[in-house]
């Protein structure tokens, strides 16, 4: 499975972006998917995760109330709608797929990059103040 993240760009603070994570080479319909972000010099940070069915969703505290993760298994794509963007949201955003529902069962597991097997290449989000 290959993941392709897209949708990043430059936006003013308070604006919105929708990121997409499209899968090729296989289906992600049975995989939990997460979004992470990373800025230079810092560790990759968990943003949100969604179960294979979309029925279970988790957000980092920084994303709650502003970001929405969703998925459309029919088109093998997961989305991250980001609203009310802040300068501190600027980062490279990555999508990642786990291979087991157990990836999401604990905060430690779902927020750890090592719990995910497939990774996209990242899409850059820049937020101007």
Protein backbone atom coordinates (compact mmCIF):
# COMPACT_ATOMS: atom_id res chain seq x y z
CA UNK A 1 0.00 0.00 0.00
CA UNK A 2 1.25 3.46 -0.89
CA UNK A 3 -0.18 6.55 0.76
CA UNK A 4 -0.20 9.95 -0.92
CA UNK A 5 -0.92 13.01 1.20
CA UNK A 6 -2.01 16.21 -0.49
CA UNK A 7 -3.88 19.43 0.12
CA UNK A 8 -1.29 21.39 2.02
CA UNK A 9 -0.52 24.99 1.22
CA UNK A 10 -0.28 28.51 2.53
CA UNK A 11 -3.23 29.86 4.47
CA UNK A 12 -3.82 32.83 6.72
CA UNK A 13 -4.45 32.31 10.40
CA UNK A 14 -8.13 31.57 10.90
CA UNK A 15 -8.40 29.91 7.51
CA UNK A 16 -9.09 26.33 6.53
CA UNK A 17 -7.48 23.52 4.58
CA UNK A 18 -8.54 19.99 3.78
CA UNK A 19 -5.85 17.38 3.54
CA UNK A 20 -6.35 14.14 1.68
CA UNK A 21 -4.61 10.81 2.06
CA UNK A 22 -5.17 8.60 -0.96
CA UNK A 23 -4.09 4.99 -1.04
CA UNK A 24 -2.92 3.04 -4.05
CA UNK A 25 -1.67 -0.48 -4.48
CA UNK A 26 -4.17 -1.90 -2.07
CA UNK A 27 -7.17 -1.07 0.06
CA UNK A 28 -6.99 0.74 3.37
CA UNK A 29 -10.58 -0.16 4.11
CA UNK A 30 -9.59 -2.38 7.03
CA UNK A 31 -6.80 -0.19 8.40
CA UNK A 32 -6.91 2.48 11.08
CA UNK A 33 -5.49 5.71 9.70
CA UNK A 34 -3.83 8.57 11.54
CA UNK A 35 -2.53 12.00 10.77
CA UNK A 36 0.73 13.21 12.31
CA UNK A 37 2.62 16.44 11.87
CA UNK A 38 6.21 17.44 12.26
CA UNK A 39 8.19 20.65 12.38
CA UNK A 40 11.97 20.75 11.96
CA UNK A 41 13.82 19.75 15.08
CA UNK A 42 10.80 18.25 16.79
CA UNK A 43 9.34 14.79 17.04
CA UNK A 44 6.46 13.71 14.87
CA UNK A 45 3.26 14.64 16.69
CA UNK A 46 -0.06 12.81 16.68
CA UNK A 47 -3.00 14.83 15.35
CA UNK A 48 -5.95 12.50 14.79
CA UNK A 49 -6.87 8.89 14.08
CA UNK A 50 -9.85 7.04 12.71
CA UNK A 51 -10.83 3.39 12.83
CA UNK A 52 -11.38 1.36 9.69
CA UNK A 53 -15.13 1.90 9.82
CA UNK A 54 -14.94 5.56 10.81
CA UNK A 55 -16.89 4.74 13.92
CA UNK A 56 -14.08 5.53 16.34
CA UNK A 57 -12.14 8.77 16.17
CA UNK A 58 -9.45 10.31 18.35
CA UNK A 59 -7.94 13.77 18.36
CA UNK A 60 -4.97 15.37 20.01
CA UNK A 61 -5.99 18.13 22.37
CA UNK A 62 -4.54 20.66 19.96
CA UNK A 63 -6.91 19.47 17.23
CA UNK A 64 -10.13 19.06 19.16
CA UNK A 65 -12.89 21.41 18.06
CA UNK A 66 -10.98 22.60 14.99
CA UNK A 67 -9.99 19.52 12.99
CA UNK A 68 -12.18 16.73 11.65
CA UNK A 69 -10.89 13.41 10.40
CA UNK A 70 -13.06 11.33 8.09
CA UNK A 71 -12.73 8.59 5.54
CA UNK A 72 -14.35 7.29 2.40
CA UNK A 73 -13.37 3.68 1.96
CA UNK A 74 -15.11 3.54 -1.40
CA UNK A 75 -12.41 5.82 -2.81
CA UNK A 76 -9.64 4.63 -0.51
CA UNK A 77 -9.14 8.10 0.96
CA UNK A 78 -8.93 9.68 4.40
CA UNK A 79 -9.38 13.38 4.99
CA UNK A 80 -8.37 15.92 7.57
CA UNK A 81 -10.46 19.07 7.57
CA UNK A 82 -8.59 21.78 9.42
CA UNK A 83 -10.42 24.93 10.46
CA UNK A 84 -9.42 28.02 12.43
CA UNK A 85 -5.81 27.35 11.63
CA UNK A 86 -3.16 28.89 13.85
CA UNK A 87 0.51 29.63 13.15
CA UNK A 88 1.44 26.79 15.48
CA UNK A 89 -0.38 24.35 13.17
CA UNK A 90 2.25 24.93 10.51
CA UNK A 91 4.10 21.67 9.85
CA UNK A 92 4.52 18.84 7.41
CA UNK A 93 1.48 16.63 7.78
CA UNK A 94 1.76 12.89 7.28
CA UNK A 95 -0.87 10.20 7.04
CA UNK A 96 -0.16 6.72 8.26
CA UNK A 97 -1.92 3.37 8.27
CA UNK A 98 -1.86 0.80 10.99
CA UNK A 99 -2.48 -2.84 10.29
CA UNK A 100 -4.60 -3.67 13.29
CA UNK A 101 -7.48 -2.10 15.18
CA UNK A 102 -5.39 -2.57 18.31
CA UNK A 103 -3.29 0.36 17.13
CA UNK A 104 -6.03 2.68 18.39
CA UNK A 105 -6.82 0.98 21.67
CA UNK A 106 -4.51 3.00 23.87
CA UNK A 107 -3.40 6.61 23.83
CA UNK A 108 0.22 5.53 23.84
CA UNK A 109 -0.23 3.20 20.88
CA UNK A 110 -2.28 5.46 18.65
CA UNK A 111 -0.08 8.48 19.26
CA UNK A 112 3.16 6.65 18.59
CA UNK A 113 4.54 6.80 15.03
CA UNK A 114 6.04 3.35 15.56
CA UNK A 115 2.54 1.86 15.73
CA UNK A 116 1.90 2.61 12.07
CA UNK A 117 3.26 0.58 9.20
CA UNK A 118 2.53 2.58 6.04
CA UNK A 119 3.38 6.27 5.66
CA UNK A 120 2.69 8.93 3.09
CA UNK A 121 5.32 11.40 1.97
CA UNK A 122 3.92 14.43 3.78
CA UNK A 123 2.26 17.65 2.71
CA UNK A 124 3.39 21.07 3.92
CA UNK A 125 0.99 23.38 5.73
CA UNK A 126 2.07 26.97 6.23
CA UNK A 127 -0.01 29.37 8.31
CA UNK A 128 0.71 33.07 8.15
CA UNK A 129 -0.15 35.32 11.06
